[in-house]
Amino acid sequence: MATTKEFKEYVADKLGPMGEISIRPMMGEYLLYLDGVLFGGIYDDRVLIKVTATNEKFNMEKEIPYAGAKPMYRLLDLENFLSAREIILDTIDGLKKK
């Protein structure tokens, strides 16, 4: 099942206030970037973010985005902008430290 256009637009609306969010198509799904940093994606109407040492503290559930992929954390509460923002910024911080 591919991500719906409506869900992609919902995610764009919720994350838009964070800054330079880019949502780029990839094989029926979407990759998520903030200020040019790839931090996650939208897979089957789920927002999944990369696992880093800096976002482990949020105790999120891991899910597989597609067959053969590494597990990612599922970002469940897009309605809580401050929480989503903190998780995404911590994720990006961890990605920059690699």
N, C-alpha and C. Protein backbone atom coordinates (compact mmCIF):
# COMPACT_ATOMS: atom_id res chain seq x y z
N MET A 1 0.85 -1.18 0.00
CA MET A 1 0.00 0.00 0.00
C MET A 1 0.89 1.24 0.00
N ALA A 2 0.72 2.09 -0.93
CA ALA A 2 1.51 3.33 -1.02
C ALA A 2 0.84 4.43 -0.18
N THR A 3 1.60 5.41 0.16
CA THR A 3 1.10 6.56 0.91
C THR A 3 0.13 7.36 0.05
N THR A 4 -0.96 7.81 0.66
CA THR A 4 -1.94 8.61 -0.07
C THR A 4 -1.46 10.06 -0.17
N LYS A 5 -1.91 10.72 -1.21
CA LYS A 5 -1.59 12.13 -1.40
C LYS A 5 -2.13 12.96 -0.23
N GLU A 6 -3.30 12.59 0.27
CA GLU A 6 -3.91 13.31 1.40
C GLU A 6 -3.05 13.22 2.66
N PHE A 7 -2.49 12.03 2.93
CA PHE A 7 -1.64 11.89 4.12
C PHE A 7 -0.36 12.68 3.94
N LYS A 8 0.22 12.65 2.76
CA LYS A 8 1.43 13.44 2.49
C LYS A 8 1.16 14.93 2.73
N GLU A 9 0.03 15.42 2.27
CA GLU A 9 -0.33 16.82 2.47
C GLU A 9 -0.57 17.13 3.94
N TYR A 10 -1.15 16.19 4.67
CA TYR A 10 -1.36 16.34 6.12
C TYR A 10 -0.01 16.49 6.83
N VAL A 11 0.94 15.64 6.48
CA VAL A 11 2.28 15.70 7.09
C VAL A 11 2.94 17.03 6.75
N ALA A 12 2.85 17.45 5.51
CA ALA A 12 3.44 18.72 5.09
C ALA A 12 2.84 19.88 5.88
N ASP A 13 1.54 19.84 6.09
CA ASP A 13 0.85 20.88 6.85
C ASP A 13 1.32 20.91 8.31
N LYS A 14 1.45 19.74 8.91
CA LYS A 14 1.83 19.66 10.32
C LYS A 14 3.29 20.01 10.57
N LEU A 15 4.17 19.63 9.65
CA LEU A 15 5.61 19.87 9.84
C LEU A 15 6.08 21.17 9.21
N GLY A 16 5.28 21.76 8.36
CA GLY A 16 5.65 22.98 7.66
C GLY A 16 6.19 24.10 8.54
N PRO A 17 5.59 24.35 9.72
CA PRO A 17 6.09 25.43 10.57
C PRO A 17 7.51 25.22 11.10
N MET A 18 8.09 24.02 10.92
CA MET A 18 9.43 23.76 11.43
C MET A 18 10.50 24.50 10.65
N GLY A 19 10.22 24.83 9.41
CA GLY A 19 11.24 25.48 8.59
C GLY A 19 11.25 24.91 7.20
N GLU A 20 12.42 24.71 6.67
CA GLU A 20 12.59 24.26 5.29
C GLU A 20 12.38 22.74 5.19
N ILE A 21 11.11 22.32 5.23
CA ILE A 21 10.76 20.90 5.09
C ILE A 21 10.61 20.59 3.61
N SER A 22 11.26 19.51 3.18
CA SER A 22 11.12 19.03 1.81
C SER A 22 10.58 17.61 1.87
N ILE A 23 9.62 17.33 1.02
CA ILE A 23 9.05 15.99 0.91
C ILE A 23 9.25 15.56 -0.54
N ARG A 24 10.13 14.58 -0.71
CA ARG A 24 10.51 14.16 -2.06
C ARG A 24 9.99 12.76 -2.34
N PRO A 25 9.37 12.57 -3.51
CA PRO A 25 8.84 11.24 -3.84
C PRO A 25 9.95 10.22 -4.07
N MET A 26 9.66 8.97 -3.65
CA MET A 26 10.58 7.87 -3.88
C MET A 26 9.77 6.57 -3.98
N MET A 27 9.62 6.05 -5.16
CA MET A 27 8.97 4.76 -5.40
C MET A 27 7.60 4.64 -4.70
N GLY A 28 6.75 5.61 -4.85
CA GLY A 28 5.42 5.57 -4.28
C GLY A 28 5.34 6.04 -2.84
N GLU A 29 6.47 6.33 -2.25
CA GLU A 29 6.53 6.83 -0.89
C GLU A 29 7.25 8.18 -0.92
N TYR A 30 7.61 8.70 0.26
CA TYR A 30 8.22 10.03 0.32
C TYR A 30 9.35 10.07 1.34
N LEU A 31 10.41 10.80 1.01
CA LEU A 31 11.51 11.05 1.93
C LEU A 31 11.32 12.42 2.55
N LEU A 32 11.67 12.54 3.84
CA LEU A 32 11.51 13.80 4.58
C LEU A 32 12.86 14.42 4.89
N TYR A 33 12.99 15.70 4.56
CA TYR A 33 14.21 16.47 4.80
C TYR A 33 13.86 17.73 5.58
N LEU A 34 14.74 18.11 6.47
CA LEU A 34 14.64 19.42 7.12
C LEU A 34 15.97 20.12 6.91
N ASP A 35 15.92 21.28 6.30
CA ASP A 35 17.13 22.05 5.98
C ASP A 35 18.17 21.19 5.26
N GLY A 36 17.69 20.34 4.35
CA GLY A 36 18.56 19.51 3.53
C GLY A 36 19.03 18.22 4.17
N VAL A 37 18.63 17.94 5.41
CA VAL A 37 19.05 16.72 6.09
C VAL A 37 17.93 15.68 6.02
N LEU A 38 18.22 14.51 5.46
CA LEU A 38 17.26 13.41 5.39
C LEU A 38 17.09 12.82 6.78
N PHE A 39 15.89 12.95 7.36
CA PHE A 39 15.67 12.43 8.71
C PHE A 39 14.64 11.32 8.78
N GLY A 40 13.91 11.08 7.71
CA GLY A 40 12.90 10.03 7.75
C GLY A 40 12.12 9.96 6.46
N GLY A 41 10.93 9.37 6.57
CA GLY A 41 10.10 9.23 5.39
C GLY A 41 8.66 8.95 5.75
N ILE A 42 7.84 8.95 4.72
CA ILE A 42 6.43 8.59 4.87
C ILE A 42 6.26 7.28 4.11
N TYR A 43 5.87 6.24 4.82
CA TYR A 43 5.73 4.90 4.25
C TYR A 43 4.37 4.34 4.64
N ASP A 44 3.55 4.00 3.66
CA ASP A 44 2.23 3.42 3.93
C ASP A 44 1.45 4.25 4.95
N ASP A 45 1.41 5.56 4.72
CA ASP A 45 0.70 6.49 5.61
C ASP A 45 1.21 6.45 7.05
N ARG A 46 2.51 6.23 7.21
CA ARG A 46 3.17 6.28 8.52
C ARG A 46 4.38 7.19 8.40
N VAL A 47 4.60 8.04 9.41
CA VAL A 47 5.81 8.87 9.45
C VAL A 47 6.85 8.10 10.26
N LEU A 48 7.94 7.75 9.61
CA LEU A 48 9.03 7.02 10.26
C LEU A 48 10.29 7.86 10.20
N ILE A 49 11.03 7.86 11.31
CA ILE A 49 12.27 8.63 11.36
C ILE A 49 13.44 7.71 11.67
N LYS A 50 14.60 8.14 11.25
CA LYS A 50 15.81 7.33 11.45
C LYS A 50 16.10 7.15 12.94
N VAL A 51 16.68 6.03 13.27
CA VAL A 51 17.10 5.73 14.64
C VAL A 51 18.47 6.35 14.87
N THR A 52 18.60 7.14 15.93
CA THR A 52 19.88 7.73 16.31
C THR A 52 20.05 7.61 17.82
N ALA A 53 21.26 7.81 18.28
CA ALA A 53 21.52 7.78 19.72
C ALA A 53 20.78 8.91 20.43
N THR A 54 20.53 10.01 19.72
CA THR A 54 19.91 11.18 20.35
C THR A 54 18.38 11.08 20.44
N ASN A 55 17.75 10.16 19.71
CA ASN A 55 16.30 10.07 19.81
C ASN A 55 15.82 8.79 20.52
N GLU A 56 16.74 8.00 21.04
CA GLU A 56 16.36 6.80 21.78
C GLU A 56 15.57 7.12 23.04
N LYS A 57 15.82 8.27 23.63
CA LYS A 57 15.19 8.66 24.89
C LYS A 57 13.67 8.81 24.78
N PHE A 58 13.13 8.90 23.58
CA PHE A 58 11.70 9.09 23.40
C PHE A 58 10.92 7.77 23.44
N ASN A 59 11.63 6.64 23.49
CA ASN A 59 11.01 5.32 23.62
C ASN A 59 9.89 5.08 22.60
N MET A 60 10.18 5.35 21.35
CA MET A 60 9.19 5.13 20.29
C MET A 60 9.26 3.69 19.80
N GLU A 61 8.17 3.26 19.20
CA GLU A 61 8.11 1.91 18.62
C GLU A 61 8.89 1.88 17.32
N LYS A 62 9.61 0.79 17.10
CA LYS A 62 10.32 0.61 15.83
C LYS A 62 9.42 -0.14 14.86
N GLU A 63 9.48 0.28 13.60
CA GLU A 63 8.74 -0.39 12.53
C GLU A 63 9.62 -0.47 11.30
N ILE A 64 9.32 -1.43 10.45
CA ILE A 64 10.06 -1.62 9.21
C ILE A 64 9.33 -0.83 8.12
N PRO A 65 10.02 0.10 7.44
CA PRO A 65 9.33 0.89 6.40
C PRO A 65 8.92 0.07 5.18
N TYR A 66 9.77 -0.90 4.80
CA TYR A 66 9.50 -1.77 3.64
C TYR A 66 10.40 -2.98 3.78
N ALA A 67 10.08 -4.04 3.08
CA ALA A 67 10.83 -5.29 3.18
C ALA A 67 12.32 -5.06 2.92
N GLY A 68 13.14 -5.58 3.81
CA GLY A 68 14.59 -5.49 3.67
C GLY A 68 15.22 -4.23 4.24
N ALA A 69 14.40 -3.31 4.75
CA ALA A 69 14.93 -2.04 5.30
C ALA A 69 15.24 -2.19 6.78
N LYS A 70 16.07 -1.28 7.27
CA LYS A 70 16.38 -1.22 8.70
C LYS A 70 15.17 -0.64 9.44
N PRO A 71 14.98 -1.04 10.70
CA PRO A 71 13.88 -0.47 11.49
C PRO A 71 14.04 1.04 11.67
N MET A 72 12.91 1.70 11.77
CA MET A 72 12.88 3.14 12.02
C MET A 72 11.87 3.39 13.14
N TYR A 73 11.95 4.55 13.77
CA TYR A 73 10.97 4.91 14.79
C TYR A 73 9.74 5.51 14.14
N ARG A 74 8.58 5.15 14.69
CA ARG A 74 7.33 5.73 14.17
C ARG A 74 6.96 6.96 14.98
N LEU A 75 6.76 8.05 14.29
CA LEU A 75 6.33 9.31 14.90
C LEU A 75 4.81 9.33 14.86
N LEU A 76 4.20 9.12 16.02
CA LEU A 76 2.75 8.94 16.06
C LEU A 76 1.96 10.23 16.20
N ASP A 77 2.45 11.19 16.96
CA ASP A 77 1.64 12.35 17.31
C ASP A 77 2.07 13.60 16.56
N LEU A 78 1.60 13.75 15.34
CA LEU A 78 1.92 14.96 14.58
C LEU A 78 1.08 16.15 15.03
N GLU A 79 0.01 15.89 15.75
CA GLU A 79 -0.84 16.98 16.25
C GLU A 79 -0.12 17.78 17.34
N ASN A 80 0.79 17.12 18.06
CA ASN A 80 1.56 17.79 19.11
C ASN A 80 2.85 18.33 18.47
N PHE A 81 2.75 19.53 17.92
CA PHE A 81 3.86 20.10 17.15
C PHE A 81 5.14 20.18 17.96
N LEU A 82 5.05 20.62 19.23
CA LEU A 82 6.27 20.80 20.03
C LEU A 82 6.98 19.47 20.25
N SER A 83 6.22 18.42 20.50
CA SER A 83 6.82 17.11 20.70
C SER A 83 7.45 16.60 19.40
N ALA A 84 6.72 16.68 18.30
CA ALA A 84 7.24 16.22 17.01
C ALA A 84 8.49 17.01 16.64
N ARG A 85 8.46 18.31 16.87
CA ARG A 85 9.61 19.17 16.56
C ARG A 85 10.83 18.75 17.37
N GLU A 86 10.65 18.51 18.66
CA GLU A 86 11.77 18.10 19.52
C GLU A 86 12.37 16.77 19.04
N ILE A 87 11.52 15.82 18.71
CA ILE A 87 11.99 14.51 18.25
C ILE A 87 12.76 14.66 16.94
N ILE A 88 12.23 15.41 16.01
CA ILE A 88 12.88 15.58 14.71
C ILE A 88 14.20 16.32 14.85
N LEU A 89 14.24 17.38 15.65
CA LEU A 89 15.49 18.12 15.83
C LEU A 89 16.54 17.27 16.53
N ASP A 90 16.14 16.45 17.51
CA ASP A 90 17.09 15.54 18.16
C ASP A 90 17.61 14.50 17.16
N THR A 91 16.73 14.03 16.30
CA THR A 91 17.13 13.06 15.27
C THR A 91 18.17 13.68 14.35
N ILE A 92 17.91 14.89 13.89
CA ILE A 92 18.85 15.57 13.00
C ILE A 92 20.17 15.84 13.70
N ASP A 93 20.11 16.20 14.96
CA ASP A 93 21.34 16.40 15.73
C ASP A 93 22.17 15.11 15.75
N GLY A 94 21.51 13.99 15.97
CA GLY A 94 22.20 12.71 15.98
C GLY A 94 22.78 12.34 14.62
N LEU A 95 22.07 12.67 13.57
CA LEU A 95 22.56 12.38 12.21
C LEU A 95 23.77 13.24 11.88
N LYS A 96 23.81 14.45 12.35
CA LYS A 96 24.94 15.33 12.08
C LYS A 96 26.19 14.90 12.85
N LYS A 97 26.01 14.19 13.96
CA LYS A 97 27.15 13.74 14.77
C LYS A 97 27.79 12.49 14.23
N LYS A 98 27.14 11.81 13.29
CA LYS A 98 27.69 10.55 12.75
C LYS A 98 28.90 10.82 11.89
